[in-house]
Each structure stands twice: as C-alpha cells, then as structure tokens.
Amino acid sequence: MEETNLNDLKVMVIDDSNTIRRAADVLLKKTGCTVITAEDGFDALAKIAVQRPDIIFIDVMMPRLNGYETCSIIRSNPEFENTPLVLLSSKSSFCDKARGAVVGATSYLTKPFSKDELLGTISKYTLNTEAPPQAASA
C-alpha cells in the first residue's frame, strides 16, 4: 500500500493514554505530519491557540475535562469553528455519536481504529479541496 503523504499538516491528539498518544505520534510522523499531543483537555487548550492544529482528535473519556467538554470549548472559539474535531471512543452507540454532534464534533472514530481509518479521516477532512458540506437545515 502506498504511504499517504500529509506533509505540513499539524495534527493534535488529545488522549489520557500514553500508548495511544505515542502510537499516533509515530504513525503520523511517518506520513509527514507535525504531531502535537496532549494528555487531557486542559493540557490541549493551553497548546491549541499557540500550535493551531489543522485537525484535532479528542478522546471522549478523560479525567478533569472530558472529550465532549473539550470539543465544546474548542468549537466555541471562532478561530477554530472550521477546524475538524474528531472524537475518539470505545463507545459507538447512536447516543454517543449524537452527543458528539451536539458539541460540535466533525466526526467520530470508534476505538480501536486502524491506521487506514485514522489516515482516511485526516485525508477526508484536511485534504478536501472542495468547500466543506453544510449541515442540512430543517
């Protein structure tokens, strides 16, 4: 399989699991990404304004500030209203995904996810040259 080239993309991974952060760091650096990691929402919020990532992956189940809260705070900042926010969780029910949509998540990736799912998500939301699809209005 051909390696995906994601040179110059800044990807943030927010997860309280050191294993997930390290695995994402190694995998994404191989594709040319700059990787920013954070161990929880508070750590991430301190880094986001400075680093300005192109896409942010947020674990749902974290101490102190969970993924839904972190996503909502990021999305409420006008500077990041168009930044893709992808929630990561082992929970995959409709309610979990709906809650993610309510707080402004762009997408939802269920753990464990594959390398192809991770890279596909990054490509889908950062390499798209067309305007992002607008939410359907009622």
C-alpha atoms as a PDB file:
ATOM      1  CA  MET A   1       0.000   0.000   0.000  1.00  0.00           C
ATOM      2  CA  GLU A   2       1.247   3.458  -0.878  1.00  0.00           C
ATOM      3  CA  GLU A   3       2.112   5.683   2.090  1.00  0.00           C
ATOM      4  CA  THR A   4      -0.111   8.712   2.493  1.00  0.00           C
ATOM      5  CA  ASN A   5       1.788  11.987   2.360  1.00  0.00           C
ATOM      6  CA  LEU A   6       0.429  14.504   4.817  1.00  0.00           C
ATOM      7  CA  ASN A   7       3.410  16.873   4.852  1.00  0.00           C
ATOM      8  CA  ASP A   8       2.955  20.125   6.728  1.00  0.00           C
ATOM      9  CA  LEU A   9      -0.298  19.113   8.415  1.00  0.00           C
ATOM     10  CA  LYS A  10      -0.491  19.771  12.142  1.00  0.00           C
ATOM     11  CA  VAL A  11      -2.405  17.010  13.902  1.00  0.00           C
ATOM     12  CA  MET A  12      -3.283  17.184  17.584  1.00  0.00           C
ATOM     13  CA  VAL A  13      -4.047  14.017  19.537  1.00  0.00           C
ATOM     14  CA  ILE A  14      -5.659  14.508  22.948  1.00  0.00           C
ATOM     15  CA  ASP A  15      -5.779  11.266  24.924  1.00  0.00           C
ATOM     16  CA  ASP A  16      -5.028  10.332  28.509  1.00  0.00           C
ATOM     17  CA  SER A  17      -3.488   7.055  27.283  1.00  0.00           C
ATOM     18  CA  ASN A  18       0.250   7.411  26.755  1.00  0.00           C
ATOM     19  CA  THR A  19       0.102   4.350  24.471  1.00  0.00           C
ATOM     20  CA  ILE A  20      -2.447   5.978  22.137  1.00  0.00           C
ATOM     21  CA  ARG A  21      -0.509   9.261  22.060  1.00  0.00           C
ATOM     22  CA  ARG A  22       2.802   7.520  21.291  1.00  0.00           C
ATOM     23  CA  ALA A  23       1.304   5.233  18.631  1.00  0.00           C
ATOM     24  CA  ALA A  24      -0.397   8.175  16.882  1.00  0.00           C
ATOM     25  CA  ASP A  25       2.814  10.219  17.127  1.00  0.00           C
ATOM     26  CA  VAL A  26       4.941   7.503  15.489  1.00  0.00           C
ATOM     27  CA  LEU A  27       2.372   6.686  12.801  1.00  0.00           C
ATOM     28  CA  LEU A  28       1.596  10.271  11.855  1.00  0.00           C
ATOM     29  CA  LYS A  29       5.198  11.459  11.794  1.00  0.00           C
ATOM     30  CA  LYS A  30       5.894   8.738   9.183  1.00  0.00           C
ATOM     31  CA  THR A  31       3.354  10.449   6.902  1.00  0.00           C
ATOM     32  CA  GLY A  32       4.988  13.859   7.283  1.00  0.00           C
ATOM     33  CA  CYS A  33       2.619  15.331   9.883  1.00  0.00           C
ATOM     34  CA  THR A  34       3.650  17.556  12.720  1.00  0.00           C
ATOM     35  CA  VAL A  35       2.110  15.908  15.775  1.00  0.00           C
ATOM     36  CA  ILE A  36       1.051  17.752  18.905  1.00  0.00           C
ATOM     37  CA  THR A  37      -0.040  15.602  21.825  1.00  0.00           C
ATOM     38  CA  ALA A  38      -1.931  16.467  24.994  1.00  0.00           C
ATOM     39  CA  GLU A  39      -2.852  14.228  27.906  1.00  0.00           C
ATOM     40  CA  ASP A  40      -6.167  15.909  28.702  1.00  0.00           C
ATOM     41  CA  GLY A  41      -8.446  18.771  27.740  1.00  0.00           C
ATOM     42  CA  PHE A  42      -6.735  21.360  29.915  1.00  0.00           C
ATOM     43  CA  ASP A  43      -3.315  20.446  28.500  1.00  0.00           C
ATOM     44  CA  ALA A  44      -4.772  20.678  24.980  1.00  0.00           C
ATOM     45  CA  LEU A  45      -6.442  24.053  25.454  1.00  0.00           C
ATOM     46  CA  ALA A  46      -3.124  25.536  26.514  1.00  0.00           C
ATOM     47  CA  LYS A  47      -1.469  24.260  23.304  1.00  0.00           C
ATOM     48  CA  ILE A  48      -4.177  24.791  20.676  1.00  0.00           C
ATOM     49  CA  ALA A  49      -4.039  28.581  20.468  1.00  0.00           C
ATOM     50  CA  VAL A  50      -0.267  28.518  20.026  1.00  0.00           C
ATOM     51  CA  GLN A  51       0.075  25.446  17.771  1.00  0.00           C
ATOM     52  CA  ARG A  52      -3.098  25.977  15.665  1.00  0.00           C
ATOM     53  CA  PRO A  53      -3.573  22.351  14.531  1.00  0.00           C
ATOM     54  CA  ASP A  54      -5.259  21.526  11.215  1.00  0.00           C
ATOM     55  CA  ILE A  55      -7.247  18.656  12.761  1.00  0.00           C
ATOM     56  CA  ILE A  56      -7.789  17.577  16.363  1.00  0.00           C
ATOM     57  CA  PHE A  57      -8.513  14.070  17.666  1.00  0.00           C
ATOM     58  CA  ILE A  58     -10.122  14.086  21.121  1.00  0.00           C
ATOM     59  CA  ASP A  59     -10.578  11.080  23.403  1.00  0.00           C
ATOM     60  CA  VAL A  60     -14.041  11.129  24.974  1.00  0.00           C
ATOM     61  CA  MET A  61     -13.190   9.509  28.325  1.00  0.00           C
ATOM     62  CA  MET A  62     -10.561  11.664  30.043  1.00  0.00           C
ATOM     63  CA  PRO A  63     -10.153  12.924  33.605  1.00  0.00           C
ATOM     64  CA  ARG A  64     -10.714  16.567  34.599  1.00  0.00           C
ATOM     65  CA  LEU A  65     -12.182  17.742  31.269  1.00  0.00           C
ATOM     66  CA  ASN A  66     -13.781  15.030  29.130  1.00  0.00           C
ATOM     67  CA  GLY A  67     -13.781  14.940  25.333  1.00  0.00           C
ATOM     68  CA  TYR A  68     -17.289  16.338  24.931  1.00  0.00           C
ATOM     69  CA  GLU A  69     -16.463  19.315  27.158  1.00  0.00           C
ATOM     70  CA  THR A  70     -13.122  19.846  25.408  1.00  0.00           C
ATOM     71  CA  CYS A  71     -14.784  19.696  21.984  1.00  0.00           C
ATOM     72  CA  SER A  72     -17.455  22.195  23.033  1.00  0.00           C
ATOM     73  CA  ILE A  73     -14.873  24.661  24.378  1.00  0.00           C
ATOM     74  CA  ILE A  74     -12.722  24.432  21.231  1.00  0.00           C
ATOM     75  CA  ARG A  75     -15.739  24.782  18.946  1.00  0.00           C
ATOM     76  CA  SER A  76     -16.982  27.860  20.839  1.00  0.00           C
ATOM     77  CA  ASN A  77     -13.842  29.768  19.823  1.00  0.00           C
ATOM     78  CA  PRO A  78     -14.498  31.460  16.436  1.00  0.00           C
ATOM     79  CA  GLU A  79     -10.866  30.883  15.419  1.00  0.00           C
ATOM     80  CA  PHE A  80     -11.481  27.120  15.465  1.00  0.00           C
ATOM     81  CA  GLU A  81     -15.052  26.948  14.174  1.00  0.00           C
ATOM     82  CA  ASN A  82     -13.891  25.253  10.955  1.00  0.00           C
ATOM     83  CA  THR A  83     -11.153  23.058  12.460  1.00  0.00           C
ATOM     84  CA  PRO A  84     -12.111  19.378  12.118  1.00  0.00           C
ATOM     85  CA  LEU A  85     -12.682  17.866  15.585  1.00  0.00           C
ATOM     86  CA  VAL A  86     -12.803  14.061  15.695  1.00  0.00           C
ATOM     87  CA  LEU A  87     -13.941  12.313  18.854  1.00  0.00           C
ATOM     88  CA  LEU A  88     -12.292   9.006  19.771  1.00  0.00           C
ATOM     89  CA  SER A  89     -14.160   6.487  21.899  1.00  0.00           C
ATOM     90  CA  SER A  90     -14.696   2.803  22.530  1.00  0.00           C
ATOM     91  CA  LYS A  91     -18.416   3.633  22.784  1.00  0.00           C
ATOM     92  CA  SER A  92     -20.195   3.579  19.453  1.00  0.00           C
ATOM     93  CA  SER A  93     -23.890   3.935  20.214  1.00  0.00           C
ATOM     94  CA  PHE A  94     -26.118   6.347  18.351  1.00  0.00           C
ATOM     95  CA  CYS A  95     -26.482   8.407  21.563  1.00  0.00           C
ATOM     96  CA  ASP A  96     -22.702   8.763  21.949  1.00  0.00           C
ATOM     97  CA  LYS A  97     -22.320   9.894  18.342  1.00  0.00           C
ATOM     98  CA  ALA A  98     -25.308  12.245  18.634  1.00  0.00           C
ATOM     99  CA  ARG A  99     -23.824  13.816  21.763  1.00  0.00           C
ATOM    100  CA  GLY A 100     -20.610  14.372  19.800  1.00  0.00           C
ATOM    101  CA  ALA A 101     -22.536  16.124  17.038  1.00  0.00           C
ATOM    102  CA  VAL A 102     -24.302  18.340  19.591  1.00  0.00           C
ATOM    103  CA  VAL A 103     -20.984  19.611  20.995  1.00  0.00           C
ATOM    104  CA  GLY A 104     -19.644  20.342  17.518  1.00  0.00           C
ATOM    105  CA  ALA A 105     -17.627  17.252  16.591  1.00  0.00           C
ATOM    106  CA  THR A 106     -16.960  16.879  12.884  1.00  0.00           C
ATOM    107  CA  SER A 107     -16.669  13.113  13.093  1.00  0.00           C
ATOM    108  CA  TYR A 108     -16.485  10.184  15.496  1.00  0.00           C
ATOM    109  CA  LEU A 109     -13.927   7.362  15.327  1.00  0.00           C
ATOM    110  CA  THR A 110     -14.523   4.207  17.345  1.00  0.00           C
ATOM    111  CA  LYS A 111     -11.569   2.603  19.159  1.00  0.00           C
ATOM    112  CA  PRO A 112      -9.763   0.502  18.317  1.00  0.00           C
ATOM    113  CA  PHE A 113      -9.300   2.184  14.959  1.00  0.00           C
ATOM    114  CA  SER A 114      -6.955   1.106  12.196  1.00  0.00           C
ATOM    115  CA  LYS A 115      -4.118   3.048  10.613  1.00  0.00           C
ATOM    116  CA  ASP A 116      -6.230   3.324   7.442  1.00  0.00           C
ATOM    117  CA  GLU A 117      -9.216   4.732   9.373  1.00  0.00           C
ATOM    118  CA  LEU A 118      -7.015   7.330  11.070  1.00  0.00           C
ATOM    119  CA  LEU A 119      -5.275   8.401   7.864  1.00  0.00           C
ATOM    120  CA  GLY A 120      -8.548   8.288   5.929  1.00  0.00           C
ATOM    121  CA  THR A 121     -10.168  10.619   8.446  1.00  0.00           C
ATOM    122  CA  ILE A 122      -7.268  13.055   8.231  1.00  0.00           C
ATOM    123  CA  SER A 123      -7.348  12.990   4.422  1.00  0.00           C
ATOM    124  CA  LYS A 124     -11.131  13.397   4.297  1.00  0.00           C
ATOM    125  CA  TYR A 125     -11.200  16.491   6.489  1.00  0.00           C
ATOM    126  CA  THR A 126      -7.917  18.221   5.626  1.00  0.00           C
ATOM    127  CA  LEU A 127      -7.094  17.402   2.010  1.00  0.00           C
ATOM    128  CA  ASN A 128     -10.548  18.107   0.612  1.00  0.00           C
ATOM    129  CA  THR A 129     -10.237  20.926  -1.905  1.00  0.00           C
ATOM    130  CA  GLU A 130     -13.988  21.470  -2.094  1.00  0.00           C
ATOM    131  CA  ALA A 131     -15.913  23.567   0.395  1.00  0.00           C
ATOM    132  CA  PRO A 132     -16.963  21.538   3.436  1.00  0.00           C
ATOM    133  CA  PRO A 133     -20.512  20.227   3.270  1.00  0.00           C
ATOM    134  CA  GLN A 134     -23.024  22.370   5.093  1.00  0.00           C
ATOM    135  CA  ALA A 135     -25.342  20.834   7.657  1.00  0.00           C
ATOM    136  CA  ALA A 136     -28.846  20.307   6.354  1.00  0.00           C
ATOM    137  CA  SER A 137     -31.235  22.904   7.682  1.00  0.00           C
ATOM    138  CA  ALA A 138     -34.678  21.903   8.843  1.00  0.00           C
END
